[in-house]
Structures are given as C-alpha cells and as structure tokens.
Amino acid sequence: MKVEYDSHRDLLYVYFSMPSKKVVKTVTIVPGVFADFDKNGRLIGLEVLDASEVIDKKIEFDLSKMEQVA
C-alpha cells in the first residue's frame, strides 16, 4: 500500500497495488471519493478530492455491493 498527498490540489490517493496498474473503471463512493478498479474488478486505489475537508469525516462503503468490471 502506498499513500500520496498533493497539498497544492488537496488530493489524497491510496494505492492498493502498483501505481503503474491501469485503471479501467472508476466508481464514485461518495461525492469527492472515488474507487479505481483494474480489468479484473480488483480495487487498485482510492482518490479523495478536497482531502483536508473529507479526511475527518467517516467514509464507509461495501465493496461487495459495487458493480464488477466485466
């Protein structure tokens, strides 16, 4: 796992696989929070916009309910 934060854009990205892995689908979890999936439907990262505002809020999601990448 790798975490990157860009203070200029206030963007947080959490990698759950290699950063070079290709994203084929992005799903909005809640406004400003996005999940990226690979071609096999595996979660490869989470992107948080306006991270300094969102980070102190509770964010929950159930991956089993997300649409699979076909």
PDB file of N, CA and C in Angstrom:
ATOM      1  N   MET A   1       0.853  -1.168   0.000  1.00  0.00           N
ATOM      2  CA  MET A   1       0.000   0.000   0.000  1.00  0.00           C
ATOM      3  C   MET A   1       0.901   1.233   0.000  1.00  0.00           C
ATOM      4  N   LYS A   2       0.477   2.241  -0.741  1.00  0.00           N
ATOM      5  CA  LYS A   2       1.203   3.493  -0.829  1.00  0.00           C
ATOM      6  C   LYS A   2       0.191   4.634  -0.732  1.00  0.00           C
ATOM      7  N   VAL A   3       0.552   5.687   0.007  1.00  0.00           N
ATOM      8  CA  VAL A   3      -0.331   6.841   0.166  1.00  0.00           C
ATOM      9  C   VAL A   3       0.408   8.075  -0.329  1.00  0.00           C
ATOM     10  N   GLU A   4      -0.256   8.861  -1.172  1.00  0.00           N
ATOM     11  CA  GLU A   4       0.321  10.116  -1.666  1.00  0.00           C
ATOM     12  C   GLU A   4      -0.659  11.247  -1.377  1.00  0.00           C
ATOM     13  N   TYR A   5      -0.101  12.404  -1.017  1.00  0.00           N
ATOM     14  CA  TYR A   5      -0.929  13.586  -0.792  1.00  0.00           C
ATOM     15  C   TYR A   5      -0.323  14.756  -1.550  1.00  0.00           C
ATOM     16  N   ASP A   6      -1.137  15.426  -2.339  1.00  0.00           N
ATOM     17  CA  ASP A   6      -0.732  16.610  -3.090  1.00  0.00           C
ATOM     18  C   ASP A   6      -1.378  17.811  -2.411  1.00  0.00           C
ATOM     19  N   SER A   7      -0.581  18.572  -1.661  1.00  0.00           N
ATOM     20  CA  SER A   7      -1.133  19.700  -0.898  1.00  0.00           C
ATOM     21  C   SER A   7      -1.599  20.842  -1.793  1.00  0.00           C
ATOM     22  N   HIS A   8      -1.028  20.977  -2.981  1.00  0.00           N
ATOM     23  CA  HIS A   8      -1.452  22.050  -3.894  1.00  0.00           C
ATOM     24  C   HIS A   8      -2.866  21.813  -4.418  1.00  0.00           C
ATOM     25  N   ARG A   9      -3.171  20.556  -4.692  1.00  0.00           N
ATOM     26  CA  ARG A   9      -4.509  20.211  -5.194  1.00  0.00           C
ATOM     27  C   ARG A   9      -5.415  19.656  -4.095  1.00  0.00           C
ATOM     28  N   ASP A  10      -4.852  19.474  -2.880  1.00  0.00           N
ATOM     29  CA  ASP A  10      -5.573  18.893  -1.744  1.00  0.00           C
ATOM     30  C   ASP A  10      -6.176  17.550  -2.148  1.00  0.00           C
ATOM     31  N   LEU A  11      -5.316  16.703  -2.707  1.00  0.00           N
ATOM     32  CA  LEU A  11      -5.719  15.413  -3.254  1.00  0.00           C
ATOM     33  C   LEU A  11      -4.972  14.302  -2.530  1.00  0.00           C
ATOM     34  N   LEU A  12      -5.716  13.311  -2.059  1.00  0.00           N
ATOM     35  CA  LEU A  12      -5.140  12.144  -1.409  1.00  0.00           C
ATOM     36  C   LEU A  12      -5.405  10.936  -2.286  1.00  0.00           C
ATOM     37  N   TYR A  13      -4.373  10.098  -2.479  1.00  0.00           N
ATOM     38  CA  TYR A  13      -4.558   8.863  -3.240  1.00  0.00           C
ATOM     39  C   TYR A  13      -3.932   7.728  -2.462  1.00  0.00           C
ATOM     40  N   VAL A  14      -4.702   6.650  -2.279  1.00  0.00           N
ATOM     41  CA  VAL A  14      -4.228   5.457  -1.595  1.00  0.00           C
ATOM     42  C   VAL A  14      -4.157   4.339  -2.623  1.00  0.00           C
ATOM     43  N   TYR A  15      -2.946   3.834  -2.841  1.00  0.00           N
ATOM     44  CA  TYR A  15      -2.724   2.731  -3.785  1.00  0.00           C
ATOM     45  C   TYR A  15      -2.791   1.403  -3.034  1.00  0.00           C
ATOM     46  N   PHE A  16      -3.549   0.446  -3.571  1.00  0.00           N
ATOM     47  CA  PHE A  16      -3.596  -0.900  -3.016  1.00  0.00           C
ATOM     48  C   PHE A  16      -2.871  -1.892  -3.919  1.00  0.00           C
ATOM     49  N   SER A  17      -2.299  -1.396  -4.995  1.00  0.00           N
ATOM     50  CA  SER A  17      -1.492  -2.199  -5.911  1.00  0.00           C
ATOM     51  C   SER A  17      -0.403  -1.293  -6.463  1.00  0.00           C
ATOM     52  N   MET A  18       0.330  -1.766  -7.421  1.00  0.00           N
ATOM     53  CA  MET A  18       1.409  -0.988  -8.025  1.00  0.00           C
ATOM     54  C   MET A  18       0.823   0.280  -8.669  1.00  0.00           C
ATOM     55  N   PRO A  19       1.460   1.435  -8.457  1.00  0.00           N
ATOM     56  CA  PRO A  19       0.961   2.680  -9.053  1.00  0.00           C
ATOM     57  C   PRO A  19       0.850   2.641 -10.580  1.00  0.00           C
ATOM     58  N   SER A  20       1.584   1.745 -11.219  1.00  0.00           N
ATOM     59  CA  SER A  20       1.545   1.655 -12.682  1.00  0.00           C
ATOM     60  C   SER A  20       0.365   0.833 -13.203  1.00  0.00           C
ATOM     61  N   LYS A  21      -0.376   0.199 -12.314  1.00  0.00           N
ATOM     62  CA  LYS A  21      -1.527  -0.627 -12.715  1.00  0.00           C
ATOM     63  C   LYS A  21      -2.563   0.241 -13.430  1.00  0.00           C
ATOM     64  N   LYS A  22      -3.096  -0.259 -14.544  1.00  0.00           N
ATOM     65  CA  LYS A  22      -4.040   0.512 -15.352  1.00  0.00           C
ATOM     66  C   LYS A  22      -5.447   0.481 -14.759  1.00  0.00           C
ATOM     67  N   VAL A  23      -6.026   1.666 -14.624  1.00  0.00           N
ATOM     68  CA  VAL A  23      -7.407   1.816 -14.155  1.00  0.00           C
ATOM     69  C   VAL A  23      -8.338   1.659 -15.350  1.00  0.00           C
ATOM     70  N   VAL A  24      -9.341   0.763 -15.227  1.00  0.00           N
ATOM     71  CA  VAL A  24     -10.317   0.604 -16.305  1.00  0.00           C
ATOM     72  C   VAL A  24     -11.709   1.079 -15.905  1.00  0.00           C
ATOM     73  N   LYS A  25     -11.904   1.280 -14.598  1.00  0.00           N
ATOM     74  CA  LYS A  25     -13.207   1.766 -14.152  1.00  0.00           C
ATOM     75  C   LYS A  25     -13.029   2.550 -12.857  1.00  0.00           C
ATOM     76  N   THR A  26     -13.740   3.673 -12.761  1.00  0.00           N
ATOM     77  CA  THR A  26     -13.755   4.487 -11.550  1.00  0.00           C
ATOM     78  C   THR A  26     -15.197   4.612 -11.089  1.00  0.00           C
ATOM     79  N   VAL A  27     -15.419   4.357  -9.797  1.00  0.00           N
ATOM     80  CA  VAL A  27     -16.749   4.401  -9.204  1.00  0.00           C
ATOM     81  C   VAL A  27     -16.756   5.489  -8.129  1.00  0.00           C
ATOM     82  N   THR A  28     -17.779   6.339  -8.147  1.00  0.00           N
ATOM     83  CA  THR A  28     -17.937   7.347  -7.110  1.00  0.00           C
ATOM     84  C   THR A  28     -18.512   6.683  -5.871  1.00  0.00           C
ATOM     85  N   ILE A  29     -17.782   6.772  -4.760  1.00  0.00           N
ATOM     86  CA  ILE A  29     -18.233   6.185  -3.497  1.00  0.00           C
ATOM     87  C   ILE A  29     -19.180   7.155  -2.807  1.00  0.00           C
ATOM     88  N   VAL A  30     -18.707   8.335  -2.577  1.00  0.00           N
ATOM     89  CA  VAL A  30     -19.481   9.481  -2.093  1.00  0.00           C
ATOM     90  C   VAL A  30     -18.905  10.666  -2.849  1.00  0.00           C
ATOM     91  N   PRO A  31     -19.594  11.795  -2.907  1.00  0.00           N
ATOM     92  CA  PRO A  31     -19.029  12.938  -3.636  1.00  0.00           C
ATOM     93  C   PRO A  31     -17.607  13.264  -3.159  1.00  0.00           C
ATOM     94  N   GLY A  32     -16.680  13.258  -4.108  1.00  0.00           N
ATOM     95  CA  GLY A  32     -15.290  13.573  -3.819  1.00  0.00           C
ATOM     96  C   GLY A  32     -14.415  12.391  -3.457  1.00  0.00           C
ATOM     97  N   VAL A  33     -15.001  11.183  -3.385  1.00  0.00           N
ATOM     98  CA  VAL A  33     -14.229   9.974  -3.079  1.00  0.00           C
ATOM     99  C   VAL A  33     -14.501   8.951  -4.174  1.00  0.00           C
ATOM    100  N   PHE A  34     -13.416   8.488  -4.815  1.00  0.00           N
ATOM    101  CA  PHE A  34     -13.536   7.617  -5.976  1.00  0.00           C
ATOM    102  C   PHE A  34     -12.703   6.355  -5.795  1.00  0.00           C
ATOM    103  N   ALA A  35     -13.244   5.223  -6.228  1.00  0.00           N
ATOM    104  CA  ALA A  35     -12.546   3.942  -6.191  1.00  0.00           C
ATOM    105  C   ALA A  35     -12.163   3.558  -7.612  1.00  0.00           C
ATOM    106  N   ASP A  36     -10.903   3.191  -7.809  1.00  0.00           N
ATOM    107  CA  ASP A  36     -10.397   2.768  -9.113  1.00  0.00           C
ATOM    108  C   ASP A  36     -10.221   1.257  -9.124  1.00  0.00           C
ATOM    109  N   PHE A  37     -10.656   0.629 -10.230  1.00  0.00           N
ATOM    110  CA  PHE A  37     -10.592  -0.817 -10.375  1.00  0.00           C
ATOM    111  C   PHE A  37      -9.801  -1.198 -11.618  1.00  0.00           C
ATOM    112  N   ASP A  38      -9.161  -2.376 -11.575  1.00  0.00           N
ATOM    113  CA  ASP A  38      -8.426  -2.883 -12.731  1.00  0.00           C
ATOM    114  C   ASP A  38      -9.361  -3.710 -13.613  1.00  0.00           C
ATOM    115  N   LYS A  39      -8.824  -4.318 -14.660  1.00  0.00           N
ATOM    116  CA  LYS A  39      -9.651  -5.074 -15.614  1.00  0.00           C
ATOM    117  C   LYS A  39     -10.301  -6.312 -15.007  1.00  0.00           C
ATOM    118  N   ASN A  40      -9.777  -6.785 -13.860  1.00  0.00           N
ATOM    119  CA  ASN A  40     -10.343  -7.947 -13.183  1.00  0.00           C
ATOM    120  C   ASN A  40     -11.317  -7.556 -12.074  1.00  0.00           C
ATOM    121  N   GLY A  41     -11.619  -6.261 -11.961  1.00  0.00           N
ATOM    122  CA  GLY A  41     -12.548  -5.800 -10.953  1.00  0.00           C
ATOM    123  C   GLY A  41     -11.954  -5.638  -9.571  1.00  0.00           C
ATOM    124  N   ARG A  42     -10.626  -5.696  -9.483  1.00  0.00           N
ATOM    125  CA  ARG A  42      -9.960  -5.537  -8.189  1.00  0.00           C
ATOM    126  C   ARG A  42      -9.734  -4.063  -7.886  1.00  0.00           C
ATOM    127  N   LEU A  43      -9.955  -3.699  -6.622  1.00  0.00           N
ATOM    128  CA  LEU A  43      -9.710  -2.336  -6.177  1.00  0.00           C
ATOM    129  C   LEU A  43      -8.215  -2.068  -6.215  1.00  0.00           C
ATOM    130  N   ILE A  44      -7.825  -1.020  -6.940  1.00  0.00           N
ATOM    131  CA  ILE A  44      -6.393  -0.698  -7.005  1.00  0.00           C
ATOM    132  C   ILE A  44      -6.071   0.624  -6.332  1.00  0.00           C
ATOM    133  N   GLY A  45      -7.100   1.446  -6.059  1.00  0.00           N
ATOM    134  CA  GLY A  45      -6.811   2.698  -5.377  1.00  0.00           C
ATOM    135  C   GLY A  45      -8.045   3.500  -5.040  1.00  0.00           C
ATOM    136  N   LEU A  46      -7.865   4.425  -4.096  1.00  0.00           N
ATOM    137  CA  LEU A  46      -8.913   5.357  -3.707  1.00  0.00           C
ATOM    138  C   LEU A  46      -8.382   6.770  -3.856  1.00  0.00           C
ATOM    139  N   GLU A  47      -9.180   7.633  -4.451  1.00  0.00           N
ATOM    140  CA  GLU A  47      -8.825   9.038  -4.626  1.00  0.00           C
ATOM    141  C   GLU A  47      -9.794   9.885  -3.812  1.00  0.00           C
ATOM    142  N   VAL A  48      -9.244  10.837  -3.058  1.00  0.00           N
ATOM    143  CA  VAL A  48     -10.069  11.718  -2.235  1.00  0.00           C
ATOM    144  C   VAL A  48      -9.774  13.159  -2.625  1.00  0.00           C
ATOM    145  N   LEU A  49     -10.779  13.847  -3.191  1.00  0.00           N
ATOM    146  CA  LEU A  49     -10.659  15.256  -3.530  1.00  0.00           C
ATOM    147  C   LEU A  49     -10.974  16.085  -2.292  1.00  0.00           C
ATOM    148  N   ASP A  50     -10.395  17.278  -2.204  1.00  0.00           N
ATOM    149  CA  ASP A  50     -10.590  18.137  -1.030  1.00  0.00           C
ATOM    150  C   ASP A  50     -10.326  17.340   0.245  1.00  0.00           C
ATOM    151  N   ALA A  51      -9.212  16.627   0.250  1.00  0.00           N
ATOM    152  CA  ALA A  51      -8.888  15.680   1.314  1.00  0.00           C
ATOM    153  C   ALA A  51      -8.855  16.317   2.696  1.00  0.00           C
ATOM    154  N   SER A  52      -8.382  17.543   2.808  1.00  0.00           N
ATOM    155  CA  SER A  52      -8.309  18.166   4.130  1.00  0.00           C
ATOM    156  C   SER A  52      -9.689  18.377   4.735  1.00  0.00           C
ATOM    157  N   GLU A  53     -10.716  18.492   3.902  1.00  0.00           N
ATOM    158  CA  GLU A  53     -12.084  18.636   4.393  1.00  0.00           C
ATOM    159  C   GLU A  53     -12.727  17.274   4.667  1.00  0.00           C
ATOM    160  N   VAL A  54     -12.399  16.297   3.839  1.00  0.00           N
ATOM    161  CA  VAL A  54     -13.037  14.985   3.902  1.00  0.00           C
ATOM    162  C   VAL A  54     -12.395  14.086   4.955  1.00  0.00           C
ATOM    163  N   ILE A  55     -11.109  14.246   5.188  1.00  0.00           N
ATOM    164  CA  ILE A  55     -10.348  13.296   5.989  1.00  0.00           C
ATOM    165  C   ILE A  55     -10.880  13.126   7.412  1.00  0.00           C
ATOM    166  N   ASP A  56     -11.494  14.142   7.975  1.00  0.00           N
ATOM    167  CA  ASP A  56     -12.011  13.993   9.339  1.00  0.00           C
ATOM    168  C   ASP A  56     -13.452  13.489   9.375  1.00  0.00           C
ATOM    169  N   LYS A  57     -14.025  13.196   8.212  1.00  0.00           N
ATOM    170  CA  LYS A  57     -15.373  12.638   8.148  1.00  0.00           C
ATOM    171  C   LYS A  57     -15.275  11.123   8.020  1.00  0.00           C
ATOM    172  N   LYS A  58     -16.298  10.434   8.441  1.00  0.00           N
ATOM    173  CA  LYS A  58     -16.331   8.980   8.335  1.00  0.00           C
ATOM    174  C   LYS A  58     -16.794   8.599   6.931  1.00  0.00           C
ATOM    175  N   ILE A  59     -16.000   7.787   6.240  1.00  0.00           N
ATOM    176  CA  ILE A  59     -16.342   7.332   4.893  1.00  0.00           C
ATOM    177  C   ILE A  59     -16.408   5.809   4.923  1.00  0.00           C
ATOM    178  N   GLU A  60     -17.558   5.262   4.592  1.00  0.00           N
ATOM    179  CA  GLU A  60     -17.735   3.817   4.565  1.00  0.00           C
ATOM    180  C   GLU A  60     -18.325   3.391   3.229  1.00  0.00           C
ATOM    181  N   PHE A  61     -17.899   2.219   2.771  1.00  0.00           N
ATOM    182  CA  PHE A  61     -18.511   1.638   1.587  1.00  0.00           C
ATOM    183  C   PHE A  61     -18.322   0.142   1.617  1.00  0.00           C
ATOM    184  N   ASP A  62     -19.185  -0.566   0.938  1.00  0.00           N
ATOM    185  CA  ASP A  62     -19.178  -2.017   0.903  1.00  0.00           C
ATOM    186  C   ASP A  62     -18.781  -2.454  -0.498  1.00  0.00           C
ATOM    187  N   LEU A  63     -17.575  -2.994  -0.628  1.00  0.00           N
ATOM    188  CA  LEU A  63     -17.089  -3.410  -1.944  1.00  0.00           C
ATOM    189  C   LEU A  63     -17.925  -4.529  -2.549  1.00  0.00           C
ATOM    190  N   SER A  64     -18.544  -5.346  -1.716  1.00  0.00           N
ATOM    191  CA  SER A  64     -19.341  -6.453  -2.248  1.00  0.00           C
ATOM    192  C   SER A  64     -20.575  -5.959  -3.005  1.00  0.00           C
ATOM    193  N   LYS A  65     -20.992  -4.726  -2.750  1.00  0.00           N
ATOM    194  CA  LYS A  65     -22.163  -4.169  -3.435  1.00  0.00           C
ATOM    195  C   LYS A  65     -21.811  -3.398  -4.691  1.00  0.00           C
ATOM    196  N   MET A  66     -20.523  -3.248  -4.963  1.00  0.00           N
ATOM    197  CA  MET A  66     -20.109  -2.483  -6.150  1.00  0.00           C
ATOM    198  C   MET A  66     -20.203  -3.338  -7.392  1.00  0.00           C
ATOM    199  N   GLU A  67     -20.541  -2.705  -8.463  1.00  0.00           N
ATOM    200  CA  GLU A  67     -20.655  -3.367  -9.752  1.00  0.00           C
ATOM    201  C   GLU A  67     -19.278  -3.878 -10.180  1.00  0.00           C
ATOM    202  N   GLN A  68     -19.214  -5.110 -10.639  1.00  0.00           N
ATOM    203  CA  GLN A  68     -17.959  -5.709 -11.078  1.00  0.00           C
ATOM    204  C   GLN A  68     -17.604  -5.246 -12.489  1.00  0.00           C
ATOM    205  N   VAL A  69     -16.308  -5.118 -12.748  1.00  0.00           N
ATOM    206  CA  VAL A  69     -15.827  -4.774 -14.081  1.00  0.00           C
ATOM    207  C   VAL A  69     -15.875  -6.036 -14.935  1.00  0.00           C
ATOM    208  N   ALA A  70     -16.493  -5.959 -16.077  1.00  0.00           N
ATOM    209  CA  ALA A  70     -16.619  -7.143 -16.936  1.00  0.00           C
ATOM    210  C   ALA A  70     -15.666  -7.072 -18.095  1.00  0.00           C
TER     211      ALA A  70
END
